[in-house]
Amino acid sequence: MKILYFDCFSGISGDMTISSLLSLTGEREKFLKRLEGIALHDYDAEITEVVKKGIHALGFKVSYDERHHHQRNLNDIYEIIDNSELENREKELAREIFKNLGRAESKVHNVSLEEVHFHEVGAVDSIIDVVGTSILINMVKPDRIVFSPVPVGGGYIQAAHCRLPVPAPATAELLKGIPVYDNGIRSELVTPTGAAIVKTLADEFGGMPSMVVKNTGYGSGEKDLEVPNILRTFLGEAAGYERDQVYLLETNIDDMNPESYEYVIDRLFAEGALDVFIQPVIMKKSRPAAVLSVICKREDIIKVEEIVFRETTSFGIRKLLVDRSKLKREIRTVETEYGPVNIKYGYIDGETVKAVPEYEDVKRVAQKAGRPFNAIYSEILALMRD
């Protein structure tokens, strides 16, 4: 599996995305040739070599006569994309990025998608940034795209009619559902185009996936910041096991009837919890208590928190983002003299390193046969070895 990882430690914009992917692929001439198929005229695209805080990177800049710049709506941009000599996948991706931009502008200005008029993002350079990104993603052809959490920056920017807080309203709308943070830099680190690229491309967010890195790319932005204004990309093949990030939610409980635990645990699993467990602890004043721990995905946090608050005596929840490594796995069904049993297999680089009968299946056939659980379990393991 080919994995593309974006390390957005200094933010992301359209030109940074293109220059980083160009650095990653090394396909400068091929890319510029492909750009000639875009149904736009009177612009120049330049790839440059720059040094940011001592780090060599590529830059990408589009020049055009701003006197001929026209405001465009979404259909105008779709027409440019559709009339270009691009592959279908590239057209679909470019349209999706602009659709996400349009939805954000529509929400911010309270107008329909058809009424949205793009200003900066409708300019020639922004169209080139979006279409160019689509071309390069199609050239890389990743199976999975992962983004780091995104630093949004701070301060203010000068828009067409006034000063706006960072992140700009359209950017903030696009960043919904995306993990962000403040790294203390008072500058716009994520542009609307950059946010739309993240929203459209990301399969998941988190730290560097477990993979064998094949190549890296360094794409420069235009800012001079405390850190290198660079977007890093990593291209690699998936390692023998998988890695992702999940959330660990915990709360201490010292005044709840333990008979309720089973009900709470069942509710949490029903709402998407990946795992739930309870551990005994001694709290202040030597009071015995229990720590309720829930592992879940980011999108399930709100549901999990509500259950904990409603169904337990807790007044507060701790929340941690944790790395998780896990074997590649599959479930196979084997036939035994007692009936079918599911076996969970774990792999590293295609090699089977674990094979475990599913507990509920062993329990079912043991009860049906009237045999001890451990005896049935051992027989199934022997059958698997044969």
Protein backbone atom coordinates (compact mmCIF):
# COMPACT_ATOMS: atom_id res chain seq x y z
CA MET A 1 0.00 0.00 0.00
CA LYS A 2 1.39 3.39 -1.05
CA ILE A 3 0.98 6.04 1.69
CA LEU A 4 1.35 9.81 1.22
CA TYR A 5 1.89 11.79 4.43
CA PHE A 6 1.64 15.58 4.72
CA ASP A 7 3.60 17.10 7.62
CA CYS A 8 1.90 20.51 7.99
CA PHE A 9 4.11 21.83 10.83
CA SER A 10 4.19 25.27 9.16
CA GLY A 11 0.69 25.26 7.68
CA ILE A 12 -0.48 24.59 4.15
CA SER A 13 -1.43 26.54 1.04
CA GLY A 14 -1.98 25.69 -2.60
CA ASP A 15 1.49 26.71 -3.78
CA MET A 16 3.15 24.88 -0.86
CA THR A 17 1.24 21.72 -1.79
CA ILE A 18 2.33 21.87 -5.41
CA SER A 19 5.98 22.64 -4.65
CA SER A 20 6.18 19.88 -2.02
CA LEU A 21 4.68 17.29 -4.37
CA LEU A 22 7.00 18.47 -7.14
CA SER A 23 9.96 18.01 -4.81
CA LEU A 24 8.63 14.58 -3.89
CA THR A 25 8.13 13.35 -7.46
CA GLY A 26 10.92 15.18 -9.29
CA GLU A 27 8.60 15.40 -12.32
CA ARG A 28 9.02 19.11 -13.08
CA GLU A 29 8.95 19.01 -16.87
CA LYS A 30 6.11 16.50 -17.00
CA PHE A 31 4.07 18.63 -14.60
CA LEU A 32 4.61 21.88 -16.51
CA LYS A 33 3.64 20.11 -19.72
CA ARG A 34 0.43 18.86 -18.10
CA LEU A 35 -0.38 22.40 -16.91
CA GLU A 36 -0.46 23.53 -20.53
CA GLY A 37 -3.70 21.58 -20.88
CA ILE A 38 -5.57 23.91 -18.52
CA ALA A 39 -8.06 26.17 -20.29
CA LEU A 40 -6.42 29.36 -19.04
CA HIS A 41 -4.17 31.77 -20.89
CA ASP A 42 -1.75 34.61 -20.24
CA TYR A 43 -0.05 33.24 -17.16
CA ASP A 44 3.43 31.98 -16.35
CA ALA A 45 4.19 29.13 -13.92
CA GLU A 46 7.67 29.09 -12.41
CA ILE A 47 9.38 26.43 -10.30
CA THR A 48 12.19 27.83 -8.17
CA GLU A 49 14.81 26.53 -5.76
CA VAL A 50 14.85 28.27 -2.40
CA VAL A 51 16.44 27.94 1.03
CA LYS A 52 14.27 28.39 4.13
CA LYS A 53 16.16 28.59 7.45
CA GLY A 54 18.94 26.53 5.88
CA ILE A 55 16.63 23.91 4.34
CA HIS A 56 16.53 23.47 0.58
CA ALA A 57 13.04 23.41 -0.90
CA LEU A 58 11.16 24.03 -4.12
CA GLY A 59 8.92 27.02 -4.67
CA PHE A 60 6.05 27.46 -7.11
CA LYS A 61 4.75 30.78 -8.37
CA VAL A 62 2.13 31.78 -10.92
CA SER A 63 2.34 35.22 -12.56
CA TYR A 64 -0.48 36.84 -14.53
CA ASP A 65 -1.87 40.27 -15.42
CA GLU A 66 -4.18 41.16 -12.54
CA ARG A 67 -5.89 43.80 -14.69
CA HIS A 68 -7.55 40.95 -16.58
CA HIS A 69 -8.66 39.17 -13.42
CA HIS A 70 -12.41 38.54 -13.26
CA GLN A 71 -14.57 37.36 -10.40
CA ARG A 72 -15.80 33.85 -11.09
CA ASN A 73 -18.59 31.72 -9.72
CA LEU A 74 -18.41 27.98 -9.23
CA ASN A 75 -19.86 27.15 -12.64
CA ASP A 76 -17.26 29.40 -14.33
CA ILE A 77 -14.50 27.44 -12.62
CA TYR A 78 -16.15 24.11 -13.42
CA GLU A 79 -16.23 25.15 -17.07
CA ILE A 80 -12.50 25.91 -17.04
CA ILE A 81 -11.80 22.52 -15.45
CA ASP A 82 -14.09 20.59 -17.80
CA ASN A 83 -12.63 22.26 -20.90
CA SER A 84 -9.07 21.45 -19.86
CA GLU A 85 -7.07 18.52 -21.22
CA LEU A 86 -6.99 16.69 -17.90
CA GLU A 87 -7.65 13.10 -17.00
CA ASN A 88 -11.09 12.42 -15.56
CA ARG A 89 -9.68 11.68 -12.09
CA GLU A 90 -7.89 15.05 -12.10
CA LYS A 91 -11.05 16.89 -13.14
CA GLU A 92 -13.10 15.15 -10.44
CA LEU A 93 -10.56 16.01 -7.75
CA ALA A 94 -10.26 19.66 -8.82
CA ARG A 95 -14.05 20.03 -8.91
CA GLU A 96 -14.35 18.49 -5.43
CA ILE A 97 -11.77 20.89 -3.96
CA PHE A 98 -13.59 23.88 -5.43
CA LYS A 99 -16.95 22.52 -4.31
CA ASN A 100 -15.65 22.41 -0.74
CA LEU A 101 -14.41 25.98 -1.13
CA GLY A 102 -17.80 27.01 -2.51
CA ARG A 103 -19.68 25.40 0.36
CA ALA A 104 -17.54 27.26 2.88
CA GLU A 105 -18.05 30.62 1.15
CA SER A 106 -21.77 29.88 0.86
CA LYS A 107 -22.04 29.25 4.59
CA VAL A 108 -19.96 32.28 5.59
CA HIS A 109 -21.86 34.74 3.35
CA ASN A 110 -25.28 33.07 3.73
CA VAL A 111 -25.87 32.71 -0.02
CA SER A 112 -26.58 29.71 -2.23
CA LEU A 113 -23.73 27.77 -3.80
CA GLU A 114 -24.71 29.15 -7.22
CA GLU A 115 -24.51 32.73 -5.92
CA VAL A 116 -21.01 32.42 -4.50
CA HIS A 117 -18.52 34.69 -6.27
CA PHE A 118 -14.89 33.82 -5.67
CA HIS A 119 -12.40 36.63 -5.20
CA GLU A 120 -8.85 35.55 -4.36
CA VAL A 121 -9.64 31.83 -4.83
CA GLY A 122 -11.15 32.57 -8.24
CA ALA A 123 -7.92 34.13 -9.45
CA VAL A 124 -5.72 32.40 -11.99
CA ASP A 125 -3.06 31.38 -9.46
CA SER A 126 -5.60 29.70 -7.18
CA ILE A 127 -7.13 27.77 -10.07
CA ILE A 128 -3.65 26.63 -11.08
CA ASP A 129 -2.92 25.63 -7.47
CA VAL A 130 -6.03 23.44 -7.25
CA VAL A 131 -5.75 21.87 -10.68
CA GLY A 132 -1.98 21.44 -10.30
CA THR A 133 -2.49 19.66 -6.98
CA SER A 134 -4.99 17.34 -8.65
CA ILE A 135 -2.51 16.55 -11.42
CA LEU A 136 0.29 15.74 -8.97
CA ILE A 137 -1.90 13.58 -6.74
CA ASN A 138 -2.88 11.62 -9.83
CA MET A 139 0.81 11.27 -10.73
CA VAL A 140 1.68 9.95 -7.25
CA LYS A 141 -1.43 7.72 -7.07
CA PRO A 142 -1.37 7.10 -3.29
CA ASP A 143 -3.62 4.44 -1.82
CA ARG A 144 -3.94 6.37 1.44
CA ILE A 145 -3.37 10.04 2.30
CA VAL A 146 -2.65 11.08 5.89
CA PHE A 147 -2.30 14.64 7.21
CA SER A 148 -0.74 15.80 10.45
CA PRO A 149 -2.82 18.09 12.68
CA VAL A 150 -2.76 21.59 11.20
CA PRO A 151 -1.46 24.77 12.91
CA VAL A 152 -3.82 27.61 12.01
CA GLY A 153 -1.67 30.58 13.06
CA GLY A 154 -3.12 33.79 14.48
CA GLY A 155 -3.40 37.54 14.15
CA TYR A 156 -5.16 39.32 11.27
CA ILE A 157 -5.04 39.43 7.47
CA GLN A 158 -6.06 42.18 5.08
CA ALA A 159 -8.97 41.03 2.89
CA ALA A 160 -10.60 42.94 0.03
CA HIS A 161 -12.86 45.03 2.28
CA CYS A 162 -11.51 44.77 5.82
CA ARG A 163 -9.11 43.09 8.22
CA LEU A 164 -10.12 39.56 9.19
CA PRO A 165 -9.01 37.35 12.08
CA VAL A 166 -6.89 34.27 11.41
CA PRO A 167 -8.06 31.73 10.44
CA ALA A 168 -10.25 33.59 7.96
CA PRO A 169 -13.98 32.74 8.14
CA ALA A 170 -13.97 30.51 5.04
CA THR A 171 -10.84 28.75 6.28
CA ALA A 172 -12.41 28.20 9.70
CA GLU A 173 -15.48 26.68 8.04
CA LEU A 174 -13.32 24.34 5.97
CA LEU A 175 -11.37 23.26 9.05
CA LYS A 176 -14.45 21.74 10.68
CA GLY A 177 -13.68 18.11 11.48
CA ILE A 178 -9.93 18.62 11.03
CA PRO A 179 -7.58 18.50 14.06
CA VAL A 180 -5.95 21.92 14.48
CA TYR A 181 -3.75 23.64 17.06
CA ASP A 182 -2.06 26.97 17.81
CA ASN A 183 1.72 26.88 17.51
CA GLY A 184 2.10 30.47 18.68
CA ILE A 185 2.95 31.96 15.27
CA ARG A 186 1.00 35.18 14.55
CA SER A 187 0.49 34.78 10.82
CA GLU A 188 -1.96 33.08 8.46
CA LEU A 189 -0.59 29.54 8.15
CA VAL A 190 -3.57 27.91 6.44
CA THR A 191 -5.17 29.54 3.40
CA PRO A 192 -8.70 28.72 2.20
CA THR A 193 -7.20 26.78 -0.71
CA GLY A 194 -4.90 24.88 1.65
CA ALA A 195 -7.79 24.03 3.98
CA ALA A 196 -9.90 22.83 1.04
CA ILE A 197 -7.05 20.60 -0.14
CA VAL A 198 -6.77 19.03 3.32
CA LYS A 199 -10.53 18.53 3.61
CA THR A 200 -10.74 16.91 0.17
CA LEU A 201 -7.64 14.71 0.20
CA ALA A 202 -7.37 13.47 3.79
CA ASP A 203 -8.25 9.85 4.48
CA GLU A 204 -7.16 10.31 8.09
CA PHE A 205 -5.18 12.54 10.45
CA GLY A 206 -2.41 11.80 12.90
CA GLY A 207 1.29 11.21 13.29
CA MET A 208 3.57 9.60 10.77
CA PRO A 209 2.06 6.26 9.70
CA SER A 210 4.08 3.08 10.02
CA MET A 211 5.72 2.82 6.62
CA VAL A 212 9.00 2.39 4.79
CA VAL A 213 9.77 5.89 3.46
CA LYS A 214 10.71 5.92 -0.23
CA ASN A 215 10.94 9.65 -0.85
CA THR A 216 10.45 13.06 0.76
CA GLY A 217 9.43 16.45 -0.57
CA TYR A 218 9.97 20.01 0.69
CA GLY A 219 7.71 22.76 -0.62
CA SER A 220 8.26 26.40 0.28
CA GLY A 221 5.72 29.05 1.17
CA GLU A 222 6.30 32.78 0.80
CA LYS A 223 6.49 33.73 4.48
CA ASP A 224 9.54 34.30 6.68
CA LEU A 225 8.55 32.76 10.02
CA GLU A 226 10.20 31.57 13.23
CA VAL A 227 10.17 28.08 11.70
CA PRO A 228 10.88 27.15 8.08
CA ASN A 229 7.78 28.00 6.03
CA ILE A 230 7.83 24.57 4.44
CA LEU A 231 5.33 21.78 3.80
CA ARG A 232 6.94 18.33 4.02
CA THR A 233 5.60 15.27 2.25
CA PHE A 234 6.62 11.64 2.73
CA LEU A 235 5.86 8.82 0.31
CA GLY A 236 6.24 5.27 1.53
CA GLU A 237 5.02 1.71 1.57
CA ALA A 238 2.99 0.48 4.52
CA ALA A 239 5.04 -1.30 7.17
CA GLY A 240 4.21 -4.79 8.33
CA TYR A 241 1.72 -3.47 10.86
CA GLU A 242 -0.67 -0.56 10.96
CA ARG A 243 -0.54 2.58 13.05
CA ASP A 244 -3.16 5.19 13.77
CA GLN A 245 -4.31 7.55 16.49
CA VAL A 246 -7.29 7.19 18.79
CA TYR A 247 -8.57 9.03 21.85
CA LEU A 248 -8.39 7.75 25.41
CA LEU A 249 -11.10 9.18 27.66
CA GLU A 250 -10.84 8.58 31.41
CA THR A 251 -12.75 9.50 34.53
CA ASN A 252 -12.42 8.55 38.21
CA ILE A 253 -15.57 7.24 39.91
CA ASP A 254 -15.83 6.74 43.68
CA ASP A 255 -19.56 7.08 44.42
CA MET A 256 -21.38 4.85 41.95
CA ASN A 257 -23.05 1.48 42.38
CA PRO A 258 -20.79 -1.08 40.61
CA GLU A 259 -23.90 -2.94 39.46
CA SER A 260 -24.34 -0.14 36.90
CA TYR A 261 -20.97 -0.73 35.23
CA GLU A 262 -22.19 -3.42 32.84
CA TYR A 263 -24.99 -1.19 31.57
CA VAL A 264 -22.62 1.74 31.01
CA ILE A 265 -20.08 -0.45 29.21
CA ASP A 266 -22.76 -1.87 26.91
CA ARG A 267 -24.00 1.64 26.08
CA LEU A 268 -20.48 2.81 25.26
CA PHE A 269 -19.79 -0.11 22.93
CA ALA A 270 -23.14 0.47 21.22
CA GLU A 271 -22.13 4.06 20.44
CA GLY A 272 -18.82 3.19 18.80
CA ALA A 273 -16.30 2.73 21.62
CA LEU A 274 -13.35 0.61 20.48
CA ASP A 275 -12.63 -0.62 24.00
CA VAL A 276 -13.91 0.02 27.52
CA PHE A 277 -12.27 -1.09 30.76
CA ILE A 278 -12.43 -0.31 34.47
CA GLN A 279 -9.45 -0.38 36.87
CA PRO A 280 -9.49 -0.16 40.67
CA VAL A 281 -7.51 2.73 42.21
CA ILE A 282 -7.00 4.43 45.57
CA MET A 283 -7.84 8.14 45.48
CA LYS A 284 -7.25 10.98 47.94
CA LYS A 285 -8.14 10.27 51.57
CA SER A 286 -7.46 6.60 50.73
CA ARG A 287 -10.87 6.21 49.14
CA PRO A 288 -11.27 3.14 46.88
CA ALA A 289 -12.48 4.09 43.41
CA ALA A 290 -12.49 2.98 39.78
CA VAL A 291 -11.03 4.52 36.63
CA LEU A 292 -13.38 4.19 33.66
CA SER A 293 -11.32 4.22 30.43
CA VAL A 294 -12.81 4.45 26.95
CA ILE A 295 -10.89 4.20 23.67
CA CYS A 296 -12.70 5.71 20.69
CA LYS A 297 -12.26 7.48 17.37
CA ARG A 298 -12.33 11.27 17.17
CA GLU A 299 -15.77 11.33 15.54
CA ASP A 300 -17.29 9.39 18.45
CA ILE A 301 -15.96 11.56 21.29
CA ILE A 302 -19.10 13.65 21.78
CA LYS A 303 -21.36 10.59 21.94
CA VAL A 304 -19.03 8.84 24.38
CA GLU A 305 -18.75 11.89 26.64
CA GLU A 306 -22.51 12.32 26.78
CA ILE A 307 -23.01 8.70 27.84
CA VAL A 308 -20.37 9.02 30.57
CA PHE A 309 -21.94 12.22 31.91
CA ARG A 310 -25.50 10.91 31.75
CA GLU A 311 -24.93 7.35 32.95
CA THR A 312 -22.21 7.75 35.60
CA THR A 313 -21.60 10.03 38.57
CA SER A 314 -18.63 11.68 36.81
CA PHE A 315 -18.31 15.49 36.69
CA GLY A 316 -15.26 15.55 34.41
CA ILE A 317 -13.42 13.58 31.72
CA ARG A 318 -9.73 13.54 30.79
CA LYS A 319 -9.03 13.22 27.08
CA LEU A 320 -5.76 12.12 25.46
CA LEU A 321 -4.76 11.58 21.82
CA VAL A 322 -2.70 8.37 21.76
CA ASP A 323 -0.77 6.47 19.11
CA ARG A 324 -1.89 2.92 18.39
CA SER A 325 -0.01 0.14 16.58
CA LYS A 326 -1.92 -2.91 15.44
CA LEU A 327 -1.34 -6.00 13.36
CA LYS A 328 -2.98 -6.38 10.01
CA ARG A 329 -5.79 -8.81 10.61
CA GLU A 330 -8.49 -10.86 9.02
CA ILE A 331 -11.23 -13.22 10.22
CA ARG A 332 -11.50 -16.68 8.71
CA THR A 333 -14.13 -19.31 9.48
CA VAL A 334 -13.03 -22.90 10.10
CA GLU A 335 -15.33 -25.89 10.32
CA THR A 336 -15.08 -28.06 13.44
CA GLU A 337 -17.04 -31.12 14.49
CA TYR A 338 -18.97 -28.80 16.80
CA GLY A 339 -19.79 -26.21 14.13
CA PRO A 340 -18.16 -23.17 12.47
CA VAL A 341 -15.70 -21.07 14.49
CA ASN A 342 -14.20 -17.72 13.50
CA ILE A 343 -10.41 -17.36 13.81
CA LYS A 344 -8.67 -13.98 14.00
CA TYR A 345 -5.31 -13.96 12.13
CA GLY A 346 -2.62 -11.30 12.64
CA TYR A 347 0.11 -10.56 10.06
CA ILE A 348 3.46 -8.80 9.77
CA ASP A 349 4.66 -8.41 6.17
CA GLY A 350 2.29 -11.18 5.10
CA GLU A 351 3.58 -13.61 7.73
CA THR A 352 1.04 -15.05 10.16
CA VAL A 353 2.23 -14.26 13.68
CA LYS A 354 -1.00 -14.87 15.58
CA ALA A 355 -4.15 -16.94 15.17
CA VAL A 356 -6.77 -16.80 17.91
CA PRO A 357 -10.24 -18.41 18.03
CA GLU A 358 -12.99 -15.88 18.76
CA TYR A 359 -14.18 -16.21 22.35
CA GLU A 360 -17.92 -16.02 21.63
CA ASP A 361 -17.67 -18.79 19.01
CA VAL A 362 -15.73 -21.10 21.34
CA LYS A 363 -18.23 -20.39 24.11
CA ARG A 364 -21.14 -21.19 21.79
CA VAL A 365 -19.80 -24.54 20.56
CA ALA A 366 -18.62 -25.53 24.07
CA GLN A 367 -22.10 -24.94 25.46
CA LYS A 368 -23.68 -26.79 22.55
CA ALA A 369 -21.34 -29.79 22.95
CA GLY A 370 -21.49 -29.79 26.75
CA ARG A 371 -17.68 -29.80 26.88
CA PRO A 372 -15.24 -27.67 28.94
CA PHE A 373 -14.31 -24.37 27.30
CA ASN A 374 -10.55 -24.99 27.59
CA ALA A 375 -10.87 -28.46 26.03
CA ILE A 376 -12.74 -27.09 23.00
CA TYR A 377 -10.27 -24.19 22.71
CA SER A 378 -7.30 -26.60 22.67
CA GLU A 379 -8.96 -28.81 20.06
CA ILE A 380 -9.56 -25.83 17.78
CA LEU A 381 -5.92 -24.73 18.13
CA ALA A 382 -4.77 -28.26 17.23
CA LEU A 383 -7.10 -28.24 14.21
CA MET A 384 -5.63 -24.92 13.07
CA ARG A 385 -2.07 -26.30 13.28
CA ASP A 386 -3.07 -29.29 11.18
